[in-house]
Amino acid sequence: MRTAKRTGREQAHVVTEARRSLSDDISYRERRYLIMMGVRTVCFITAVLLFVNHLGWITAIPLVGAIVIPYFAVVFANGGREPTINRGFRPYEPNLPEIYRPPDSDRDDAPFVPPTPPAAQPPGR
């Protein structure tokens, strides 16, 4: 039996880790936008009913919702595809150089002693 050499990526891909299809992602964002616009409509109708019944400052609560929700609905709808779990934060892996050991140090438990600099001589000698 003959086996082919694997070239390129050596990592296998799992189907359960695949991203959502583009059409599913678009329909999800459309559905979320329509739900938020429905909540906005309910806030607006509630604000009008509270205003008509002369309930004063309580009218401002649903009115603020009716004004602010469209901004977030548009931002979420145009935000693009949802990030996958695999593209999240990677753990920090330091890439530090090895600890310097002088060439004459044979033992690993010996304390590190920096070399002494040569004696300074005045210029002109």
PDB file of N, CA and C in Angstrom:
ATOM      1  N   MET A   1       0.845  -1.167   0.000  1.00  0.00           N
ATOM      2  CA  MET A   1       0.000   0.000   0.000  1.00  0.00           C
ATOM      3  C   MET A   1       0.893   1.234   0.000  1.00  0.00           C
ATOM      4  N   ARG A   2       0.576   2.157  -0.800  1.00  0.00           N
ATOM      5  CA  ARG A   2       1.397   3.346  -0.978  1.00  0.00           C
ATOM      6  C   ARG A   2       0.757   4.522  -0.241  1.00  0.00           C
ATOM      7  N   THR A   3       1.560   5.246   0.516  1.00  0.00           N
ATOM      8  CA  THR A   3       1.048   6.417   1.218  1.00  0.00           C
ATOM      9  C   THR A   3       1.647   7.661   0.602  1.00  0.00           C
ATOM     10  N   ALA A   4       0.838   8.673   0.530  1.00  0.00           N
ATOM     11  CA  ALA A   4       1.299   9.943  -0.036  1.00  0.00           C
ATOM     12  C   ALA A   4       1.927  10.786   1.063  1.00  0.00           C
ATOM     13  N   LYS A   5       2.924  11.538   0.690  1.00  0.00           N
ATOM     14  CA  LYS A   5       3.544  12.445   1.649  1.00  0.00           C
ATOM     15  C   LYS A   5       2.619  13.627   1.890  1.00  0.00           C
ATOM     16  N   ARG A   6       2.583  14.048   3.130  1.00  0.00           N
ATOM     17  CA  ARG A   6       1.784  15.220   3.465  1.00  0.00           C
ATOM     18  C   ARG A   6       2.647  16.450   3.261  1.00  0.00           C
ATOM     19  N   THR A   7       2.183  17.332   2.443  1.00  0.00           N
ATOM     20  CA  THR A   7       2.895  18.583   2.243  1.00  0.00           C
ATOM     21  C   THR A   7       2.026  19.717   2.735  1.00  0.00           C
ATOM     22  N   GLY A   8       2.643  20.824   3.026  1.00  0.00           N
ATOM     23  CA  GLY A   8       1.888  21.996   3.490  1.00  0.00           C
ATOM     24  C   GLY A   8       1.561  21.882   4.960  1.00  0.00           C
ATOM     25  N   ARG A   9       0.332  22.028   5.295  1.00  0.00           N
ATOM     26  CA  ARG A   9      -0.089  22.011   6.689  1.00  0.00           C
ATOM     27  C   ARG A   9      -0.147  20.593   7.216  1.00  0.00           C
ATOM     28  N   GLU A  10       0.317  20.433   8.422  1.00  0.00           N
ATOM     29  CA  GLU A  10       0.282  19.134   9.064  1.00  0.00           C
ATOM     30  C   GLU A  10      -0.896  19.026  10.030  1.00  0.00           C
ATOM     31  N   GLN A  11      -1.602  20.107  10.245  1.00  0.00           N
ATOM     32  CA  GLN A  11      -2.680  20.131  11.213  1.00  0.00           C
ATOM     33  C   GLN A  11      -3.990  19.753  10.532  1.00  0.00           C
ATOM     34  N   ALA A  12      -4.720  18.817  11.130  1.00  0.00           N
ATOM     35  CA  ALA A  12      -6.011  18.415  10.580  1.00  0.00           C
ATOM     36  C   ALA A  12      -7.080  19.411  11.010  1.00  0.00           C
ATOM     37  N   HIS A  13      -8.048  19.633  10.139  1.00  0.00           N
ATOM     38  CA  HIS A  13      -9.145  20.548  10.452  1.00  0.00           C
ATOM     39  C   HIS A  13     -10.362  19.740  10.885  1.00  0.00           C
ATOM     40  N   VAL A  14     -11.020  20.199  11.930  1.00  0.00           N
ATOM     41  CA  VAL A  14     -12.190  19.528  12.453  1.00  0.00           C
ATOM     42  C   VAL A  14     -13.421  20.267  11.952  1.00  0.00           C
ATOM     43  N   VAL A  15     -14.426  19.517  11.502  1.00  0.00           N
ATOM     44  CA  VAL A  15     -15.622  20.127  10.932  1.00  0.00           C
ATOM     45  C   VAL A  15     -16.382  20.941  11.977  1.00  0.00           C
ATOM     46  N   THR A  16     -16.357  20.501  13.210  1.00  0.00           N
ATOM     47  CA  THR A  16     -17.092  21.239  14.244  1.00  0.00           C
ATOM     48  C   THR A  16     -16.477  22.595  14.543  1.00  0.00           C
ATOM     49  N   GLU A  17     -15.230  22.813  14.131  1.00  0.00           N
ATOM     50  CA  GLU A  17     -14.579  24.101  14.351  1.00  0.00           C
ATOM     51  C   GLU A  17     -14.695  25.015  13.139  1.00  0.00           C
ATOM     52  N   ALA A  18     -15.416  24.585  12.119  1.00  0.00           N
ATOM     53  CA  ALA A  18     -15.554  25.392  10.907  1.00  0.00           C
ATOM     54  C   ALA A  18     -16.412  26.622  11.189  1.00  0.00           C
ATOM     55  N   ARG A  19     -16.144  27.681  10.469  1.00  0.00           N
ATOM     56  CA  ARG A  19     -16.928  28.904  10.632  1.00  0.00           C
ATOM     57  C   ARG A  19     -18.322  28.705  10.049  1.00  0.00           C
ATOM     58  N   ARG A  20     -19.223  29.537  10.497  1.00  0.00           N
ATOM     59  CA  ARG A  20     -20.576  29.536   9.962  1.00  0.00           C
ATOM     60  C   ARG A  20     -20.535  29.994   8.506  1.00  0.00           C
ATOM     61  N   SER A  21     -21.424  29.461   7.672  1.00  0.00           N
ATOM     62  CA  SER A  21     -21.425  29.864   6.268  1.00  0.00           C
ATOM     63  C   SER A  21     -21.819  31.338   6.153  1.00  0.00           C
ATOM     64  N   LEU A  22     -21.459  31.952   5.046  1.00  0.00           N
ATOM     65  CA  LEU A  22     -21.725  33.377   4.864  1.00  0.00           C
ATOM     66  C   LEU A  22     -23.223  33.667   4.866  1.00  0.00           C
ATOM     67  N   SER A  23     -24.008  32.819   4.212  1.00  0.00           N
ATOM     68  CA  SER A  23     -25.464  33.052   4.181  1.00  0.00           C
ATOM     69  C   SER A  23     -26.073  32.903   5.575  1.00  0.00           C
ATOM     70  N   ASP A  24     -25.586  31.942   6.375  1.00  0.00           N
ATOM     71  CA  ASP A  24     -26.081  31.808   7.748  1.00  0.00           C
ATOM     72  C   ASP A  24     -25.700  33.018   8.592  1.00  0.00           C
ATOM     73  N   ASP A  25     -24.500  33.525   8.378  1.00  0.00           N
ATOM     74  CA  ASP A  25     -24.052  34.685   9.136  1.00  0.00           C
ATOM     75  C   ASP A  25     -24.871  35.923   8.782  1.00  0.00           C
ATOM     76  N   ILE A  26     -25.155  36.113   7.503  1.00  0.00           N
ATOM     77  CA  ILE A  26     -25.965  37.264   7.084  1.00  0.00           C
ATOM     78  C   ILE A  26     -27.374  37.158   7.639  1.00  0.00           C
ATOM     79  N   SER A  27     -27.973  35.964   7.584  1.00  0.00           N
ATOM     80  CA  SER A  27     -29.337  35.818   8.109  1.00  0.00           C
ATOM     81  C   SER A  27     -29.367  36.033   9.621  1.00  0.00           C
ATOM     82  N   TYR A  28     -28.307  35.625  10.322  1.00  0.00           N
ATOM     83  CA  TYR A  28     -28.230  35.856  11.761  1.00  0.00           C
ATOM     84  C   TYR A  28     -28.176  37.347  12.067  1.00  0.00           C
ATOM     85  N   ARG A  29     -27.359  38.090  11.313  1.00  0.00           N
ATOM     86  CA  ARG A  29     -27.264  39.534  11.547  1.00  0.00           C
ATOM     87  C   ARG A  29     -28.558  40.254  11.176  1.00  0.00           C
ATOM     88  N   GLU A  30     -29.241  39.809  10.096  1.00  0.00           N
ATOM     89  CA  GLU A  30     -30.527  40.410   9.732  1.00  0.00           C
ATOM     90  C   GLU A  30     -31.567  40.166  10.818  1.00  0.00           C
ATOM     91  N   ARG A  31     -31.603  38.935  11.341  1.00  0.00           N
ATOM     92  CA  ARG A  31     -32.571  38.596  12.387  1.00  0.00           C
ATOM     93  C   ARG A  31     -32.311  39.429  13.642  1.00  0.00           C
ATOM     94  N   ARG A  32     -31.044  39.597  14.023  1.00  0.00           N
ATOM     95  CA  ARG A  32     -30.704  40.399  15.198  1.00  0.00           C
ATOM     96  C   ARG A  32     -31.099  41.862  14.985  1.00  0.00           C
ATOM     97  N   TYR A  33     -30.888  42.394  13.764  1.00  0.00           N
ATOM     98  CA  TYR A  33     -31.265  43.774  13.460  1.00  0.00           C
ATOM     99  C   TYR A  33     -32.781  43.949  13.569  1.00  0.00           C
ATOM    100  N   LEU A  34     -33.542  43.008  12.996  1.00  0.00           N
ATOM    101  CA  LEU A  34     -35.006  43.119  13.038  1.00  0.00           C
ATOM    102  C   LEU A  34     -35.537  43.017  14.465  1.00  0.00           C
ATOM    103  N   ILE A  35     -34.925  42.178  15.283  1.00  0.00           N
ATOM    104  CA  ILE A  35     -35.361  42.088  16.687  1.00  0.00           C
ATOM    105  C   ILE A  35     -35.093  43.407  17.405  1.00  0.00           C
ATOM    106  N   MET A  36     -33.936  44.005  17.173  1.00  0.00           N
ATOM    107  CA  MET A  36     -33.627  45.281  17.821  1.00  0.00           C
ATOM    108  C   MET A  36     -34.559  46.391  17.330  1.00  0.00           C
ATOM    109  N   MET A  37     -34.910  46.375  16.061  1.00  0.00           N
ATOM    110  CA  MET A  37     -35.847  47.386  15.554  1.00  0.00           C
ATOM    111  C   MET A  37     -37.245  47.161  16.115  1.00  0.00           C
ATOM    112  N   GLY A  38     -37.596  45.912  16.371  1.00  0.00           N
ATOM    113  CA  GLY A  38     -38.882  45.628  17.028  1.00  0.00           C
ATOM    114  C   GLY A  38     -38.912  46.178  18.440  1.00  0.00           C
ATOM    115  N   VAL A  39     -37.815  46.004  19.170  1.00  0.00           N
ATOM    116  CA  VAL A  39     -37.716  46.558  20.527  1.00  0.00           C
ATOM    117  C   VAL A  39     -37.781  48.080  20.470  1.00  0.00           C
ATOM    118  N   ARG A  40     -37.164  48.672  19.461  1.00  0.00           N
ATOM    119  CA  ARG A  40     -37.212  50.129  19.302  1.00  0.00           C
ATOM    120  C   ARG A  40     -38.645  50.595  19.064  1.00  0.00           C
ATOM    121  N   THR A  41     -39.379  49.880  18.231  1.00  0.00           N
ATOM    122  CA  THR A  41     -40.775  50.245  17.949  1.00  0.00           C
ATOM    123  C   THR A  41     -41.612  50.174  19.220  1.00  0.00           C
ATOM    124  N   VAL A  42     -41.408  49.128  20.013  1.00  0.00           N
ATOM    125  CA  VAL A  42     -42.142  49.004  21.282  1.00  0.00           C
ATOM    126  C   VAL A  42     -41.780  50.164  22.212  1.00  0.00           C
ATOM    127  N   CYS A  43     -40.505  50.544  22.268  1.00  0.00           N
ATOM    128  CA  CYS A  43     -40.090  51.683  23.102  1.00  0.00           C
ATOM    129  C   CYS A  43     -40.751  52.978  22.622  1.00  0.00           C
ATOM    130  N   PHE A  44     -40.798  53.174  21.314  1.00  0.00           N
ATOM    131  CA  PHE A  44     -41.389  54.396  20.774  1.00  0.00           C
ATOM    132  C   PHE A  44     -42.889  54.463  21.076  1.00  0.00           C
ATOM    133  N   ILE A  45     -43.603  53.363  20.857  1.00  0.00           N
ATOM    134  CA  ILE A  45     -45.053  53.347  21.129  1.00  0.00           C
ATOM    135  C   ILE A  45     -45.310  53.551  22.619  1.00  0.00           C
ATOM    136  N   THR A  46     -44.477  52.929  23.466  1.00  0.00           N
ATOM    137  CA  THR A  46     -44.626  53.112  24.910  1.00  0.00           C
ATOM    138  C   THR A  46     -44.386  54.567  25.300  1.00  0.00           C
ATOM    139  N   ALA A  47     -43.394  55.210  24.696  1.00  0.00           N
ATOM    140  CA  ALA A  47     -43.117  56.618  24.997  1.00  0.00           C
ATOM    141  C   ALA A  47     -44.286  57.501  24.583  1.00  0.00           C
ATOM    142  N   VAL A  48     -44.879  57.229  23.431  1.00  0.00           N
ATOM    143  CA  VAL A  48     -46.021  58.024  22.974  1.00  0.00           C
ATOM    144  C   VAL A  48     -47.201  57.838  23.921  1.00  0.00           C
ATOM    145  N   LEU A  49     -47.473  56.593  24.315  1.00  0.00           N
ATOM    146  CA  LEU A  49     -48.600  56.346  25.234  1.00  0.00           C
ATOM    147  C   LEU A  49     -48.370  57.010  26.591  1.00  0.00           C
ATOM    148  N   LEU A  50     -47.145  56.971  27.093  1.00  0.00           N
ATOM    149  CA  LEU A  50     -46.860  57.623  28.368  1.00  0.00           C
ATOM    150  C   LEU A  50     -46.978  59.146  28.255  1.00  0.00           C
ATOM    151  N   PHE A  51     -46.570  59.708  27.115  1.00  0.00           N
ATOM    152  CA  PHE A  51     -46.674  61.150  26.905  1.00  0.00           C
ATOM    153  C   PHE A  51     -48.143  61.588  26.828  1.00  0.00           C
ATOM    154  N   VAL A  52     -48.948  60.794  26.123  1.00  0.00           N
ATOM    155  CA  VAL A  52     -50.369  61.136  25.972  1.00  0.00           C
ATOM    156  C   VAL A  52     -51.079  61.081  27.322  1.00  0.00           C
ATOM    157  N   ASN A  53     -50.642  60.156  28.196  1.00  0.00           N
ATOM    158  CA  ASN A  53     -51.284  60.030  29.510  1.00  0.00           C
ATOM    159  C   ASN A  53     -50.656  60.949  30.559  1.00  0.00           C
ATOM    160  N   HIS A  54     -49.821  61.878  30.135  1.00  0.00           N
ATOM    161  CA  HIS A  54     -49.224  62.897  31.005  1.00  0.00           C
ATOM    162  C   HIS A  54     -48.469  62.290  32.187  1.00  0.00           C
ATOM    163  N   LEU A  55     -47.570  61.340  31.895  1.00  0.00           N
ATOM    164  CA  LEU A  55     -46.806  60.716  32.971  1.00  0.00           C
ATOM    165  C   LEU A  55     -45.430  61.344  33.144  1.00  0.00           C
ATOM    166  N   GLY A  56     -45.186  62.475  32.520  1.00  0.00           N
ATOM    167  CA  GLY A  56     -43.997  63.281  32.785  1.00  0.00           C
ATOM    168  C   GLY A  56     -42.675  62.636  32.409  1.00  0.00           C
ATOM    169  N   TRP A  57     -41.730  62.677  33.370  1.00  0.00           N
ATOM    170  CA  TRP A  57     -40.362  62.258  33.094  1.00  0.00           C
ATOM    171  C   TRP A  57     -40.229  60.763  32.813  1.00  0.00           C
ATOM    172  N   ILE A  58     -41.204  59.958  33.198  1.00  0.00           N
ATOM    173  CA  ILE A  58     -41.150  58.515  32.909  1.00  0.00           C
ATOM    174  C   ILE A  58     -41.169  58.285  31.385  1.00  0.00           C
ATOM    175  N   THR A  59     -41.708  59.239  30.641  1.00  0.00           N
ATOM    176  CA  THR A  59     -41.740  59.144  29.182  1.00  0.00           C
ATOM    177  C   THR A  59     -40.329  59.117  28.593  1.00  0.00           C
ATOM    178  N   ALA A  60     -39.376  59.721  29.293  1.00  0.00           N
ATOM    179  CA  ALA A  60     -38.017  59.820  28.768  1.00  0.00           C
ATOM    180  C   ALA A  60     -37.305  58.472  28.713  1.00  0.00           C
ATOM    181  N   ILE A  61     -37.652  57.530  29.583  1.00  0.00           N
ATOM    182  CA  ILE A  61     -36.949  56.245  29.626  1.00  0.00           C
ATOM    183  C   ILE A  61     -37.128  55.459  28.320  1.00  0.00           C
ATOM    184  N   PRO A  62     -38.358  55.182  27.875  1.00  0.00           N
ATOM    185  CA  PRO A  62     -38.482  54.466  26.598  1.00  0.00           C
ATOM    186  C   PRO A  62     -38.082  55.333  25.399  1.00  0.00           C
ATOM    187  N   LEU A  63     -38.192  56.659  25.547  1.00  0.00           N
ATOM    188  CA  LEU A  63     -37.796  57.542  24.456  1.00  0.00           C
ATOM    189  C   LEU A  63     -36.279  57.463  24.209  1.00  0.00           C
ATOM    190  N   VAL A  64     -35.497  57.407  25.278  1.00  0.00           N
ATOM    191  CA  VAL A  64     -34.044  57.253  25.129  1.00  0.00           C
ATOM    192  C   VAL A  64     -33.728  55.917  24.460  1.00  0.00           C
ATOM    193  N   GLY A  65     -34.444  54.864  24.836  1.00  0.00           N
ATOM    194  CA  GLY A  65     -34.259  53.567  24.186  1.00  0.00           C
ATOM    195  C   GLY A  65     -34.577  53.632  22.705  1.00  0.00           C
ATOM    196  N   ALA A  66     -35.647  54.331  22.348  1.00  0.00           N
ATOM    197  CA  ALA A  66     -36.036  54.445  20.940  1.00  0.00           C
ATOM    198  C   ALA A  66     -35.019  55.256  20.137  1.00  0.00           C
ATOM    199  N   ILE A  67     -34.305  56.151  20.787  1.00  0.00           N
ATOM    200  CA  ILE A  67     -33.307  56.965  20.090  1.00  0.00           C
ATOM    201  C   ILE A  67     -31.960  56.242  19.990  1.00  0.00           C
ATOM    202  N   VAL A  68     -31.561  55.501  21.021  1.00  0.00           N
ATOM    203  CA  VAL A  68     -30.237  54.897  21.080  1.00  0.00           C
ATOM    204  C   VAL A  68     -30.170  53.531  20.378  1.00  0.00           C
ATOM    205  N   ILE A  69     -31.225  52.752  20.436  1.00  0.00           N
ATOM    206  CA  ILE A  69     -31.200  51.384  19.881  1.00  0.00           C
ATOM    207  C   ILE A  69     -30.841  51.342  18.397  1.00  0.00           C
ATOM    208  N   PRO A  70     -31.316  52.243  17.525  1.00  0.00           N
ATOM    209  CA  PRO A  70     -30.943  52.135  16.105  1.00  0.00           C
ATOM    210  C   PRO A  70     -29.435  52.208  15.858  1.00  0.00           C
ATOM    211  N   TYR A  71     -28.734  53.000  16.633  1.00  0.00           N
ATOM    212  CA  TYR A  71     -27.280  53.083  16.465  1.00  0.00           C
ATOM    213  C   TYR A  71     -26.637  51.717  16.685  1.00  0.00           C
ATOM    214  N   PHE A  72     -26.974  51.081  17.801  1.00  0.00           N
ATOM    215  CA  PHE A  72     -26.389  49.782  18.106  1.00  0.00           C
ATOM    216  C   PHE A  72     -26.849  48.713  17.112  1.00  0.00           C
ATOM    217  N   ALA A  73     -28.092  48.805  16.652  1.00  0.00           N
ATOM    218  CA  ALA A  73     -28.584  47.828  15.680  1.00  0.00           C
ATOM    219  C   ALA A  73     -27.782  47.902  14.385  1.00  0.00           C
ATOM    220  N   VAL A  74     -27.492  49.093  13.917  1.00  0.00           N
ATOM    221  CA  VAL A  74     -26.718  49.256  12.680  1.00  0.00           C
ATOM    222  C   VAL A  74     -25.273  48.819  12.883  1.00  0.00           C
ATOM    223  N   VAL A  75     -24.682  49.164  14.008  1.00  0.00           N
ATOM    224  CA  VAL A  75     -23.301  48.761  14.277  1.00  0.00           C
ATOM    225  C   VAL A  75     -23.194  47.242  14.331  1.00  0.00           C
ATOM    226  N   PHE A  76     -24.134  46.586  15.004  1.00  0.00           N
ATOM    227  CA  PHE A  76     -24.089  45.120  15.083  1.00  0.00           C
ATOM    228  C   PHE A  76     -24.359  44.475  13.732  1.00  0.00           C
ATOM    229  N   ALA A  77     -25.257  45.057  12.941  1.00  0.00           N
ATOM    230  CA  ALA A  77     -25.580  44.472  11.640  1.00  0.00           C
ATOM    231  C   ALA A  77     -24.427  44.606  10.661  1.00  0.00           C
ATOM    232  N   ASN A  78     -23.688  45.693  10.731  1.00  0.00           N
ATOM    233  CA  ASN A  78     -22.582  45.910   9.800  1.00  0.00           C
ATOM    234  C   ASN A  78     -21.243  45.437  10.351  1.00  0.00           C
ATOM    235  N   GLY A  79     -21.255  44.823  11.510  1.00  0.00           N
ATOM    236  CA  GLY A  79     -20.019  44.441  12.164  1.00  0.00           C
ATOM    237  C   GLY A  79     -19.244  43.347  11.473  1.00  0.00           C
ATOM    238  N   GLY A  80     -19.816  42.652  10.536  1.00  0.00           N
ATOM    239  CA  GLY A  80     -19.103  41.575   9.860  1.00  0.00           C
ATOM    240  C   GLY A  80     -19.309  40.257  10.561  1.00  0.00           C
ATOM    241  N   ARG A  81     -18.525  39.302  10.144  1.00  0.00           N
ATOM    242  CA  ARG A  81     -18.673  37.946  10.666  1.00  0.00           C
ATOM    243  C   ARG A  81     -18.248  37.881  12.121  1.00  0.00           C
ATOM    244  N   GLU A  82     -18.896  36.985  12.839  1.00  0.00           N
ATOM    245  CA  GLU A  82     -18.571  36.782  14.244  1.00  0.00           C
ATOM    246  C   GLU A  82     -17.203  36.123  14.353  1.00  0.00           C
ATOM    247  N   PRO A  83     -16.393  36.527  15.314  1.00  0.00           N
ATOM    248  CA  PRO A  83     -15.080  35.883  15.466  1.00  0.00           C
ATOM    249  C   PRO A  83     -15.242  34.447  15.957  1.00  0.00           C
ATOM    250  N   THR A  84     -14.324  33.604  15.558  1.00  0.00           N
ATOM    251  CA  THR A  84     -14.361  32.221  16.013  1.00  0.00           C
ATOM    252  C   THR A  84     -13.620  32.099  17.325  1.00  0.00           C
ATOM    253  N   ILE A  85     -13.849  31.027  18.011  1.00  0.00           N
ATOM    254  CA  ILE A  85     -13.201  30.797  19.296  1.00  0.00           C
ATOM    255  C   ILE A  85     -11.701  30.621  19.089  1.00  0.00           C
ATOM    256  N   ASN A  86     -11.303  30.011  17.997  1.00  0.00           N
ATOM    257  CA  ASN A  86      -9.890  29.735  17.757  1.00  0.00           C
ATOM    258  C   ASN A  86      -9.086  30.995  17.501  1.00  0.00           C
ATOM    259  N   ARG A  87      -9.734  32.070  17.110  1.00  0.00           N
ATOM    260  CA  ARG A  87      -9.003  33.292  16.795  1.00  0.00           C
ATOM    261  C   ARG A  87      -8.896  34.222  17.987  1.00  0.00           C
ATOM    262  N   GLY A  88      -9.194  33.743  19.167  1.00  0.00           N
ATOM    263  CA  GLY A  88      -9.148  34.578  20.358  1.00  0.00           C
ATOM    264  C   GLY A  88      -7.726  34.835  20.811  1.00  0.00           C
ATOM    265  N   PHE A  89      -7.575  35.072  22.083  1.00  0.00           N
ATOM    266  CA  PHE A  89      -6.261  35.360  22.633  1.00  0.00           C
ATOM    267  C   PHE A  89      -5.406  34.106  22.640  1.00  0.00           C
ATOM    268  N   ARG A  90      -4.156  34.279  22.281  1.00  0.00           N
ATOM    269  CA  ARG A  90      -3.206  33.186  22.386  1.00  0.00           C
ATOM    270  C   ARG A  90      -2.448  33.366  23.686  1.00  0.00           C
ATOM    271  N   PRO A  91      -2.099  32.269  24.339  1.00  0.00           N
ATOM    272  CA  PRO A  91      -1.328  32.420  25.575  1.00  0.00           C
ATOM    273  C   PRO A  91       0.044  33.005  25.275  1.00  0.00           C
ATOM    274  N   TYR A  92       0.552  33.740  26.224  1.00  0.00           N
ATOM    275  CA  TYR A  92       1.855  34.383  26.061  1.00  0.00           C
ATOM    276  C   TYR A  92       2.945  33.321  26.129  1.00  0.00           C
ATOM    277  N   GLU A  93       3.774  33.290  25.116  1.00  0.00           N
ATOM    278  CA  GLU A  93       4.896  32.366  25.074  1.00  0.00           C
ATOM    279  C   GLU A  93       6.174  33.199  24.927  1.00  0.00           C
ATOM    280  N   PRO A  94       6.875  33.402  26.024  1.00  0.00           N
ATOM    281  CA  PRO A  94       8.059  34.261  25.941  1.00  0.00           C
ATOM    282  C   PRO A  94       9.139  33.622  25.072  1.00  0.00           C
ATOM    283  N   ASN A  95       9.809  34.444  24.318  1.00  0.00           N
ATOM    284  CA  ASN A  95      10.896  33.999  23.467  1.00  0.00           C
ATOM    285  C   ASN A  95      12.180  34.631  24.007  1.00  0.00           C
ATOM    286  N   LEU A  96      12.596  34.146  25.162  1.00  0.00           N
ATOM    287  CA  LEU A  96      13.741  34.731  25.845  1.00  0.00           C
ATOM    288  C   LEU A  96      15.024  33.991  25.461  1.00  0.00           C
ATOM    289  N   PRO A  97      16.137  34.707  25.453  1.00  0.00           N
ATOM    290  CA  PRO A  97      17.399  34.017  25.175  1.00  0.00           C
ATOM    291  C   PRO A  97      17.790  33.132  26.366  1.00  0.00           C
ATOM    292  N   GLU A  98      18.665  32.196  26.099  1.00  0.00           N
ATOM    293  CA  GLU A  98      19.126  31.318  27.174  1.00  0.00           C
ATOM    294  C   GLU A  98      19.980  32.105  28.163  1.00  0.00           C
ATOM    295  N   ILE A  99      20.069  31.603  29.384  1.00  0.00           N
ATOM    296  CA  ILE A  99      20.880  32.245  30.409  1.00  0.00           C
ATOM    297  C   ILE A  99      22.344  32.072  30.030  1.00  0.00           C
ATOM    298  N   TYR A 100      23.084  33.166  30.128  1.00  0.00           N
ATOM    299  CA  TYR A 100      24.500  33.120  29.754  1.00  0.00           C
ATOM    300  C   TYR A 100      25.297  32.358  30.794  1.00  0.00           C
ATOM    301  N   ARG A 101      26.063  31.420  30.330  1.00  0.00           N
ATOM    302  CA  ARG A 101      26.995  30.688  31.177  1.00  0.00           C
ATOM    303  C   ARG A 101      28.387  30.888  30.592  1.00  0.00           C
ATOM    304  N   PRO A 102      29.335  31.317  31.401  1.00  0.00           N
ATOM    305  CA  PRO A 102      30.698  31.482  30.891  1.00  0.00           C
ATOM    306  C   PRO A 102      31.232  30.144  30.367  1.00  0.00           C
ATOM    307  N   PRO A 103      32.082  30.175  29.357  1.00  0.00           N
ATOM    308  CA  PRO A 103      32.582  28.928  28.771  1.00  0.00           C
ATOM    309  C   PRO A 103      33.357  28.057  29.751  1.00  0.00           C
ATOM    310  N   ASP A 104      33.999  28.649  30.767  1.00  0.00           N
ATOM    311  CA  ASP A 104      34.790  27.852  31.695  1.00  0.00           C
ATOM    312  C   ASP A 104      33.960  27.291  32.846  1.00  0.00           C
ATOM    313  N   SER A 105      32.672  27.569  32.861  1.00  0.00           N
ATOM    314  CA  SER A 105      31.803  27.073  33.919  1.00  0.00           C
ATOM    315  C   SER A 105      31.334  25.670  33.553  1.00  0.00           C
ATOM    316  N   ASP A 106      31.815  24.680  34.302  1.00  0.00           N
ATOM    317  CA  ASP A 106      31.435  23.296  34.038  1.00  0.00           C
ATOM    318  C   ASP A 106      30.213  22.888  34.839  1.00  0.00           C
ATOM    319  N   ARG A 107      30.040  23.506  35.969  1.00  0.00           N
ATOM    320  CA  ARG A 107      28.925  23.114  36.830  1.00  0.00           C
ATOM    321  C   ARG A 107      27.728  24.028  36.585  1.00  0.00           C
ATOM    322  N   ASP A 108      26.528  23.428  36.651  1.00  0.00           N
ATOM    323  CA  ASP A 108      25.309  24.220  36.474  1.00  0.00           C
ATOM    324  C   ASP A 108      24.923  24.953  37.745  1.00  0.00           C
ATOM    325  N   ASP A 109      25.377  24.448  38.906  1.00  0.00           N
ATOM    326  CA  ASP A 109      24.978  25.080  40.163  1.00  0.00           C
ATOM    327  C   ASP A 109      25.962  26.148  40.617  1.00  0.00           C
ATOM    328  N   ALA A 110      27.003  26.398  39.847  1.00  0.00           N
ATOM    329  CA  ALA A 110      27.985  27.420  40.218  1.00  0.00           C
ATOM    330  C   ALA A 110      27.359  28.800  40.037  1.00  0.00           C
ATOM    331  N   PRO A 111      27.576  29.715  40.997  1.00  0.00           N
ATOM    332  CA  PRO A 111      27.001  31.057  40.847  1.00  0.00           C
ATOM    333  C   PRO A 111      27.683  31.811  39.710  1.00  0.00           C
ATOM    334  N   PHE A 112      26.921  32.667  39.089  1.00  0.00           N
ATOM    335  CA  PHE A 112      27.456  33.449  37.973  1.00  0.00           C
ATOM    336  C   PHE A 112      28.278  34.605  38.517  1.00  0.00           C
ATOM    337  N   VAL A 113      29.511  34.706  38.069  1.00  0.00           N
ATOM    338  CA  VAL A 113      30.396  35.793  38.463  1.00  0.00           C
ATOM    339  C   VAL A 113      30.773  36.523  37.177  1.00  0.00           C
ATOM    340  N   PRO A 114      30.391  37.795  37.043  1.00  0.00           N
ATOM    341  CA  PRO A 114      30.724  38.514  35.816  1.00  0.00           C
ATOM    342  C   PRO A 114      32.237  38.728  35.724  1.00  0.00           C
ATOM    343  N   PRO A 115      32.759  38.730  34.511  1.00  0.00           N
ATOM    344  CA  PRO A 115      34.207  38.935  34.371  1.00  0.00           C
ATOM    345  C   PRO A 115      34.587  40.345  34.806  1.00  0.00           C
ATOM    346  N   THR A 116      35.758  40.466  35.369  1.00  0.00           N
ATOM    347  CA  THR A 116      36.223  41.781  35.815  1.00  0.00           C
ATOM    348  C   THR A 116      36.844  42.509  34.633  1.00  0.00           C
ATOM    349  N   PRO A 117      36.551  43.797  34.485  1.00  0.00           N
ATOM    350  CA  PRO A 117      37.130  44.544  33.369  1.00  0.00           C
ATOM    351  C   PRO A 117      38.620  44.775  33.589  1.00  0.00           C
ATOM    352  N   PRO A 118      39.370  44.934  32.508  1.00  0.00           N
ATOM    353  CA  PRO A 118      40.807  45.209  32.668  1.00  0.00           C
ATOM    354  C   PRO A 118      41.005  46.561  33.364  1.00  0.00           C
ATOM    355  N   ALA A 119      42.133  46.681  34.016  1.00  0.00           N
ATOM    356  CA  ALA A 119      42.430  47.919  34.745  1.00  0.00           C
ATOM    357  C   ALA A 119      42.529  49.083  33.778  1.00  0.00           C
ATOM    358  N   ALA A 120      41.941  50.181  34.158  1.00  0.00           N
ATOM    359  CA  ALA A 120      41.947  51.362  33.303  1.00  0.00           C
ATOM    360  C   ALA A 120      43.315  52.039  33.383  1.00  0.00           C
ATOM    361  N   GLN A 121      43.846  52.373  32.230  1.00  0.00           N
ATOM    362  CA  GLN A 121      45.114  53.065  32.198  1.00  0.00           C
ATOM    363  C   GLN A 121      44.898  54.464  31.667  1.00  0.00           C
ATOM    364  N   PRO A 122      45.632  55.454  32.197  1.00  0.00           N
ATOM    365  CA  PRO A 122      45.464  56.814  31.713  1.00  0.00           C
ATOM    366  C   PRO A 122      45.916  56.917  30.267  1.00  0.00           C
ATOM    367  N   PRO A 123      45.340  57.817  29.482  1.00  0.00           N
ATOM    368  CA  PRO A 123      45.720  57.947  28.094  1.00  0.00           C
ATOM    369  C   PRO A 123      47.155  58.462  27.950  1.00  0.00           C
ATOM    370  N   GLY A 124      47.824  58.039  26.903  1.00  0.00           N
ATOM    371  CA  GLY A 124      49.161  58.489  26.603  1.00  0.00           C
ATOM    372  C   GLY A 124      50.237  57.607  27.152  1.00  0.00           C
ATOM    373  N   ARG A 125      49.998  56.548  27.780  1.00  0.00           N
ATOM    374  CA  ARG A 125      51.051  55.685  28.298  1.00  0.00           C
ATOM    375  C   ARG A 125      51.258  54.516  27.429  1.00  0.00           C
TER     376      ARG A 125
END
